[in-house]
């Protein structure tokens, strides 16, 4: 979360509708663009810890908000508050308050859903786009049909990829996720760690599996995520996530709980933005900004093949990079992602992508 994870470059502001947002912000040098980093589920601006400092050190501007429901930003309980259009308006207001005219928008996971909406409703704020793990999601005038998505992916891949959405749409989901918290560190009176083999809680194991392939059995199928969490199953942490980082993540999610984060899913399933999106013409949904899609060959939920197919249909100036890792690209291969972002920004600056 922005205020504690980035204490020297963070702030919390009230927007015009009364919503409070926290974000980390490092201004750009005179010749460099600013990256707007939008995290996914379930975390905060902390997801971008490897990018914020590295990009800022190169002179790039970086603005990484805790999105609605997370960290030090407000977490309203009403599903309707998580309209992507409304949150897009929030982002535009934050940029205006900082005097930032244009950014390179970067999204991961649900951050890509918000970025998709932002680029349709506030295209003037953007010079380029980067989608990580999840591709552009064209605004729709119909609600998300989870059952149809599960049936389609099971037929195509042999397993469903949206099963966990069924759990996340239930009234009990937030309590279930909040109720399975493990202990990573046990300290003696002198502050020494007495727990030589810290085990992640079941939710951490679900979100950050030791092996990406696990998602095919513990997250994608209907009922699998609920069974994993409710039975307190765990697996070792992946090599790219330390026990300390996992503890920080748990503390971040414990601050506001899971009601707000799960409302992103419920908003899509209930079609909160459907009537607003109905006003959009087909041509307005197509993207002509320079766009980078970064996918991974071991992401078994937001699969690379699905993302590439959608992007080719809707995006005119597209570059695709497929990396060898799982879903959490910015955590698993931070140096490679930083290199891609820096190179993409430089290409946009000199007009290579859409020249």
Protein backbone atom coordinates (compact mmCIF):
# COMPACT_ATOMS: atom_id res chain seq x y z
CA UNK A 1 0.00 0.00 0.00
CA UNK A 2 1.26 3.35 -1.05
CA UNK A 3 1.69 5.24 2.23
CA UNK A 4 3.74 2.61 4.04
CA UNK A 5 5.42 0.85 1.10
CA UNK A 6 6.54 4.07 -0.59
CA UNK A 7 6.61 6.54 2.34
CA UNK A 8 8.82 9.18 0.73
CA UNK A 9 6.90 9.52 -2.53
CA UNK A 10 3.29 8.79 -1.54
CA UNK A 11 0.25 10.87 -0.75
CA UNK A 12 -3.48 10.53 -0.12
CA UNK A 13 -5.96 12.93 -1.68
CA UNK A 14 -9.72 13.50 -1.73
CA UNK A 15 -11.34 13.57 -5.15
CA UNK A 16 -14.33 15.63 -6.20
CA UNK A 17 -16.87 12.93 -5.31
CA UNK A 18 -15.34 12.46 -1.86
CA UNK A 19 -13.39 9.29 -2.63
CA UNK A 20 -9.90 9.15 -1.12
CA UNK A 21 -7.06 7.66 -3.14
CA UNK A 22 -3.50 6.92 -2.07
CA UNK A 23 -0.70 6.61 -4.57
CA UNK A 24 3.04 6.66 -5.03
CA UNK A 25 4.27 9.36 -7.38
CA UNK A 26 7.75 10.17 -8.65
CA UNK A 27 7.76 13.01 -11.22
CA UNK A 28 9.48 12.49 -14.57
CA UNK A 29 12.58 14.29 -15.70
CA UNK A 30 12.03 16.86 -18.44
CA UNK A 31 12.50 14.46 -21.36
CA UNK A 32 10.86 11.31 -19.99
CA UNK A 33 7.23 10.12 -19.96
CA UNK A 34 5.28 9.00 -16.90
CA UNK A 35 4.05 5.45 -16.35
CA UNK A 36 0.62 4.96 -14.74
CA UNK A 37 0.83 1.54 -13.04
CA UNK A 38 -2.48 -0.19 -12.31
CA UNK A 39 -2.32 -3.31 -10.15
CA UNK A 40 -4.67 -6.28 -10.17
CA UNK A 41 -6.28 -8.68 -7.69
CA UNK A 42 -5.46 -9.02 -4.87
CA UNK A 43 -2.81 -6.48 -3.86
CA UNK A 44 -2.03 -2.78 -4.10
CA UNK A 45 0.65 -0.48 -5.45
CA UNK A 46 3.03 -2.85 -3.63
CA UNK A 47 2.73 -5.12 -6.67
CA UNK A 48 4.89 -2.60 -8.55
CA UNK A 49 7.72 -2.42 -6.01
CA UNK A 50 10.28 -3.68 -8.53
CA UNK A 51 9.14 -1.17 -11.15
CA UNK A 52 8.58 2.04 -9.16
CA UNK A 53 12.14 2.56 -8.00
CA UNK A 54 13.83 1.10 -11.10
CA UNK A 55 11.89 3.26 -13.55
CA UNK A 56 12.17 6.38 -11.40
CA UNK A 57 15.94 5.87 -11.22
CA UNK A 58 16.02 6.07 -15.03
CA UNK A 59 14.21 9.41 -14.96
CA UNK A 60 10.76 8.11 -15.86
CA UNK A 61 7.77 9.42 -14.00
CA UNK A 62 5.83 6.79 -12.06
CA UNK A 63 2.36 7.02 -10.57
CA UNK A 64 1.12 3.84 -8.87
CA UNK A 65 -2.23 4.11 -7.06
CA UNK A 66 -3.81 1.77 -4.59
CA UNK A 67 -6.94 1.12 -6.63
CA UNK A 68 -10.43 1.29 -5.16
CA UNK A 69 -10.90 -1.30 -2.43
CA UNK A 70 -7.20 -1.72 -1.69
CA UNK A 71 -4.48 -0.49 0.63
CA UNK A 72 -4.75 3.14 1.70
CA UNK A 73 -7.50 4.00 -0.80
CA UNK A 74 -11.17 3.93 0.17
CA UNK A 75 -13.00 0.62 0.04
CA UNK A 76 -16.74 1.24 -0.36
CA UNK A 77 -18.95 -1.81 0.28
CA UNK A 78 -21.42 -1.12 -2.55
CA UNK A 79 -20.82 -3.05 -5.77
CA UNK A 80 -22.01 -0.10 -7.88
CA UNK A 81 -19.06 1.97 -6.66
CA UNK A 82 -16.74 -0.30 -8.67
CA UNK A 83 -17.93 0.91 -12.05
CA UNK A 84 -14.93 0.91 -14.38
CA UNK A 85 -16.17 4.18 -15.88
CA UNK A 86 -16.31 5.79 -12.44
CA UNK A 87 -12.85 4.55 -11.53
CA UNK A 88 -11.54 5.74 -14.91
CA UNK A 89 -12.83 9.19 -14.05
CA UNK A 90 -10.96 8.93 -10.75
CA UNK A 91 -7.70 8.23 -12.58
CA UNK A 92 -8.21 11.20 -14.89
CA UNK A 93 -8.79 13.45 -11.89
CA UNK A 94 -5.64 12.21 -10.15
CA UNK A 95 -3.57 12.94 -13.25
CA UNK A 96 -5.12 16.40 -13.56
CA UNK A 97 -4.37 17.14 -9.90
CA UNK A 98 -0.70 16.30 -10.53
CA UNK A 99 -0.59 18.33 -13.72
CA UNK A 100 0.18 15.27 -15.85
CA UNK A 101 -1.19 15.61 -19.36
CA UNK A 102 -0.35 12.18 -20.81
CA UNK A 103 0.93 8.86 -19.48
CA UNK A 104 1.88 5.42 -20.65
CA UNK A 105 -0.84 3.32 -19.06
CA UNK A 106 0.31 -0.05 -17.67
CA UNK A 107 -2.10 -2.60 -16.28
CA UNK A 108 -1.80 -6.07 -14.81
CA UNK A 109 -4.69 -8.45 -14.22
CA UNK A 110 -7.76 -6.37 -13.20
CA UNK A 111 -5.63 -3.29 -13.77
CA UNK A 112 -5.96 -4.16 -17.46
CA UNK A 113 -9.73 -4.06 -17.17
CA UNK A 114 -9.52 -0.58 -15.71
CA UNK A 115 -6.93 0.47 -18.30
CA UNK A 116 -9.28 -0.74 -21.06
CA UNK A 117 -12.02 1.49 -19.75
CA UNK A 118 -9.64 4.40 -19.17
CA UNK A 119 -8.34 4.35 -22.73
CA UNK A 120 -11.88 4.48 -24.13
CA UNK A 121 -13.24 7.21 -21.86
CA UNK A 122 -10.06 9.27 -21.39
CA UNK A 123 -7.92 8.61 -24.46
CA UNK A 124 -6.57 12.16 -24.30
CA UNK A 125 -4.69 11.20 -21.11
CA UNK A 126 -2.71 8.45 -22.83
CA UNK A 127 0.23 8.29 -25.21
CA UNK A 128 0.57 4.49 -25.18
CA UNK A 129 -0.68 1.32 -23.46
CA UNK A 130 0.86 -1.78 -21.91
CA UNK A 131 -1.28 -4.75 -20.94
CA UNK A 132 0.36 -7.44 -18.78
CA UNK A 133 -1.15 -10.95 -18.49
CA UNK A 134 -4.61 -9.74 -19.48
CA UNK A 135 -5.33 -8.10 -22.82
CA UNK A 136 -7.60 -5.24 -23.77
CA UNK A 137 -11.17 -5.85 -22.60
CA UNK A 138 -13.51 -3.96 -24.90
CA UNK A 139 -16.34 -2.25 -22.97
CA UNK A 140 -19.45 -4.40 -23.15
CA UNK A 141 -23.15 -3.61 -22.84
CA UNK A 142 -23.89 -7.05 -21.38
CA UNK A 143 -22.92 -8.57 -18.04
CA UNK A 144 -20.18 -11.17 -17.74
CA UNK A 145 -21.62 -14.67 -18.27
CA UNK A 146 -19.38 -16.76 -16.02
CA UNK A 147 -21.09 -20.07 -16.80
CA UNK A 148 -20.62 -19.56 -20.53
CA UNK A 149 -16.97 -18.60 -20.02
CA UNK A 150 -16.33 -21.71 -17.97
CA UNK A 151 -18.02 -23.95 -20.51
CA UNK A 152 -16.08 -22.38 -23.38
CA UNK A 153 -12.68 -22.66 -21.71
CA UNK A 154 -13.32 -26.23 -20.55
CA UNK A 155 -14.13 -27.27 -24.10
CA UNK A 156 -11.12 -25.42 -25.50
CA UNK A 157 -8.46 -26.31 -22.91
CA UNK A 158 -9.81 -29.27 -20.97
CA UNK A 159 -10.36 -27.24 -17.79
CA UNK A 160 -12.35 -24.16 -16.85
CA UNK A 161 -10.49 -20.91 -16.20
CA UNK A 162 -13.24 -18.86 -14.54
CA UNK A 163 -14.36 -21.22 -11.79
CA UNK A 164 -13.11 -18.98 -9.01
CA UNK A 165 -15.42 -16.20 -10.25
CA UNK A 166 -18.34 -18.33 -9.01
CA UNK A 167 -16.89 -18.26 -5.50
CA UNK A 168 -16.01 -14.58 -5.65
CA UNK A 169 -19.62 -13.71 -6.51
CA UNK A 170 -21.01 -15.22 -3.31
CA UNK A 171 -21.81 -13.30 -0.09
CA UNK A 172 -19.58 -15.67 1.86
CA UNK A 173 -16.44 -15.23 -0.24
CA UNK A 174 -14.93 -12.26 1.62
CA UNK A 175 -15.31 -13.94 5.00
CA UNK A 176 -13.85 -17.17 3.68
CA UNK A 177 -10.75 -15.46 2.30
CA UNK A 178 -10.30 -13.27 5.37
CA UNK A 179 -10.67 -16.23 7.72
CA UNK A 180 -7.68 -18.23 6.52
CA UNK A 181 -4.65 -16.31 7.69
CA UNK A 182 -1.44 -18.12 8.62
CA UNK A 183 1.58 -17.11 10.68
CA UNK A 184 4.84 -16.44 8.87
CA UNK A 185 7.03 -15.24 11.72
CA UNK A 186 7.18 -16.10 15.42
CA UNK A 187 9.55 -13.87 17.37
CA UNK A 188 11.20 -14.43 20.73
CA UNK A 189 11.64 -11.67 23.31
CA UNK A 190 14.81 -10.48 21.54
CA UNK A 191 13.16 -10.21 18.13
CA UNK A 192 14.69 -13.37 16.65
CA UNK A 193 12.59 -15.48 14.30
CA UNK A 194 11.67 -18.75 15.98
CA UNK A 195 9.78 -20.22 13.04
CA UNK A 196 12.36 -21.87 10.72
CA UNK A 197 9.76 -23.13 8.24
CA UNK A 198 7.13 -20.42 7.76
CA UNK A 199 4.10 -21.68 5.86
CA UNK A 200 1.87 -19.46 3.77
CA UNK A 201 -1.82 -19.25 4.53
CA UNK A 202 -4.09 -21.02 2.07
CA UNK A 203 -5.12 -17.81 0.30
CA UNK A 204 -1.48 -16.87 -0.30
CA UNK A 205 -0.84 -20.34 -1.73
CA UNK A 206 -3.87 -19.97 -3.96
CA UNK A 207 -2.80 -16.57 -5.29
CA UNK A 208 0.95 -17.27 -5.47
CA UNK A 209 1.32 -21.01 -6.21
CA UNK A 210 4.75 -22.60 -6.07
CA UNK A 211 4.12 -23.98 -9.57
CA UNK A 212 1.99 -22.06 -12.09
CA UNK A 213 0.43 -25.30 -13.32
CA UNK A 214 -1.38 -25.63 -10.00
CA UNK A 215 -3.94 -23.08 -11.13
CA UNK A 216 -5.35 -25.64 -13.57
CA UNK A 217 -6.59 -27.66 -10.59
CA UNK A 218 -6.90 -25.28 -7.62
CA UNK A 219 -8.24 -22.06 -9.19
CA UNK A 220 -9.80 -22.60 -12.60
CA UNK A 221 -12.35 -25.40 -12.01
CA UNK A 222 -15.66 -24.53 -10.37
CA UNK A 223 -15.47 -25.23 -6.63
CA UNK A 224 -11.70 -25.75 -6.58
CA UNK A 225 -10.72 -22.45 -4.97
CA UNK A 226 -13.31 -22.78 -2.21
CA UNK A 227 -12.19 -26.33 -1.49
CA UNK A 228 -8.52 -25.29 -1.34
CA UNK A 229 -9.06 -22.38 1.03
CA UNK A 230 -11.69 -23.91 3.29
CA UNK A 231 -9.53 -27.00 3.89
CA UNK A 232 -6.48 -24.83 4.73
CA UNK A 233 -4.31 -26.35 2.04
CA UNK A 234 -0.95 -24.70 1.45
CA UNK A 235 2.11 -25.05 -0.73
CA UNK A 236 5.62 -23.57 -0.45
CA UNK A 237 6.13 -20.03 -1.60
CA UNK A 238 7.47 -19.60 -5.14
CA UNK A 239 11.16 -18.78 -5.40
CA UNK A 240 10.46 -15.20 -6.50
CA UNK A 241 8.39 -14.35 -3.39
CA UNK A 242 10.06 -14.12 0.02
CA UNK A 243 8.34 -14.86 3.32
CA UNK A 244 8.69 -11.19 4.19
CA UNK A 245 6.99 -10.12 0.96
CA UNK A 246 4.20 -12.62 1.54
CA UNK A 247 3.72 -11.23 5.04
CA UNK A 248 3.52 -7.68 3.68
CA UNK A 249 0.90 -8.81 1.16
CA UNK A 250 -1.12 -10.45 3.93
CA UNK A 251 -0.94 -7.29 6.03
CA UNK A 252 -2.07 -5.16 3.08
CA UNK A 253 -5.07 -7.37 2.41
CA UNK A 254 -5.91 -7.56 6.12
CA UNK A 255 -6.23 -3.78 6.33
CA UNK A 256 -9.40 -3.50 4.24
CA UNK A 257 -10.36 -7.13 3.77
CA UNK A 258 -11.72 -8.70 0.61
CA UNK A 259 -15.15 -7.10 0.23
CA UNK A 260 -13.86 -4.25 -1.95
CA UNK A 261 -11.50 -6.35 -4.08
CA UNK A 262 -14.22 -8.92 -4.75
CA UNK A 263 -16.58 -6.15 -5.82
CA UNK A 264 -14.52 -5.76 -9.00
CA UNK A 265 -15.72 -9.25 -10.00
CA UNK A 266 -19.28 -8.67 -8.81
CA UNK A 267 -19.46 -5.42 -10.78
CA UNK A 268 -18.60 -7.27 -13.98
CA UNK A 269 -21.03 -10.11 -13.27
CA UNK A 270 -23.85 -7.69 -12.45
CA UNK A 271 -23.16 -5.53 -15.50
CA UNK A 272 -22.70 -2.32 -13.53
CA UNK A 273 -21.19 -0.58 -16.57
CA UNK A 274 -23.49 -2.14 -19.18
CA UNK A 275 -25.87 0.77 -19.65
CA UNK A 276 -23.02 3.29 -19.80
CA UNK A 277 -21.09 1.18 -22.31
CA UNK A 278 -24.17 0.89 -24.52
CA UNK A 279 -23.62 4.52 -25.54
CA UNK A 280 -20.25 3.68 -27.13
CA UNK A 281 -20.01 3.20 -30.87
CA UNK A 282 -18.18 0.18 -32.23
CA UNK A 283 -15.43 2.37 -33.70
CA UNK A 284 -14.74 4.01 -30.37
CA UNK A 285 -13.93 0.64 -28.82
CA UNK A 286 -11.03 0.08 -31.24
CA UNK A 287 -7.60 1.23 -30.03
CA UNK A 288 -5.19 3.13 -32.25
CA UNK A 289 -2.61 4.00 -29.58
CA UNK A 290 0.80 2.26 -29.55
CA UNK A 291 0.21 -0.87 -27.49
CA UNK A 292 2.44 -3.50 -25.90
CA UNK A 293 0.99 -6.82 -24.74
CA UNK A 294 3.15 -8.85 -22.35
CA UNK A 295 1.93 -12.40 -21.77
CA UNK A 296 3.50 -15.54 -20.35
CA UNK A 297 3.61 -19.15 -21.43
CA UNK A 298 2.84 -20.56 -17.95
CA UNK A 299 -0.21 -18.47 -17.11
CA UNK A 300 -2.97 -21.06 -17.07
CA UNK A 301 -5.85 -18.74 -16.13
CA UNK A 302 -5.40 -15.56 -18.15
CA UNK A 303 -3.90 -17.61 -20.95
CA UNK A 304 -1.61 -16.03 -23.52
CA UNK A 305 -3.49 -17.50 -26.49
CA UNK A 306 -6.78 -15.96 -25.38
CA UNK A 307 -5.23 -12.54 -24.78
CA UNK A 308 -3.43 -12.42 -28.13
CA UNK A 309 -6.55 -13.36 -30.06
CA UNK A 310 -8.58 -10.55 -28.50
CA UNK A 311 -5.84 -7.95 -28.91
CA UNK A 312 -5.36 -8.58 -32.61
CA UNK A 313 -9.07 -7.91 -33.16
CA UNK A 314 -9.24 -4.59 -31.35
CA UNK A 315 -5.78 -2.98 -31.40
CA UNK A 316 -4.23 -1.43 -34.49
CA UNK A 317 -0.61 -0.76 -33.44
CA UNK A 318 0.32 -3.85 -31.45
CA UNK A 319 3.56 -5.41 -30.27
CA UNK A 320 3.44 -8.74 -28.40
CA UNK A 321 6.08 -10.14 -26.05
CA UNK A 322 5.63 -13.63 -24.59
CA UNK A 323 7.82 -14.45 -21.59
CA UNK A 324 8.57 -17.74 -19.86
CA UNK A 325 6.91 -17.36 -16.46
CA UNK A 326 3.55 -17.47 -14.72
CA UNK A 327 0.88 -14.86 -14.17
CA UNK A 328 2.86 -12.51 -11.90
CA UNK A 329 5.20 -11.12 -14.56
CA UNK A 330 6.22 -7.99 -12.64
CA UNK A 331 7.26 -10.12 -9.66
CA UNK A 332 8.70 -13.15 -11.44
CA UNK A 333 10.74 -11.36 -14.11
CA UNK A 334 11.01 -7.76 -12.89
CA UNK A 335 14.24 -6.91 -14.70
CA UNK A 336 12.93 -8.21 -18.01
CA UNK A 337 9.65 -6.35 -17.63
CA UNK A 338 11.46 -3.14 -16.69
CA UNK A 339 13.61 -3.52 -19.79
CA UNK A 340 10.52 -3.96 -21.95
CA UNK A 341 8.78 -0.95 -20.43
CA UNK A 342 11.83 1.26 -20.84
CA UNK A 343 12.39 0.14 -24.44
CA UNK A 344 8.71 0.57 -25.29
CA UNK A 345 8.67 4.09 -23.85
CA UNK A 346 11.71 5.02 -25.91
CA UNK A 347 10.14 3.59 -29.07
CA UNK A 348 6.93 5.52 -28.46
CA UNK A 349 8.94 8.71 -27.94
CA UNK A 350 10.55 8.45 -31.36
CA UNK A 351 7.47 7.15 -33.14
CA UNK A 352 8.62 3.62 -34.03
CA UNK A 353 5.41 1.88 -32.99
CA UNK A 354 2.92 3.91 -34.95
CA UNK A 355 5.23 5.72 -37.32
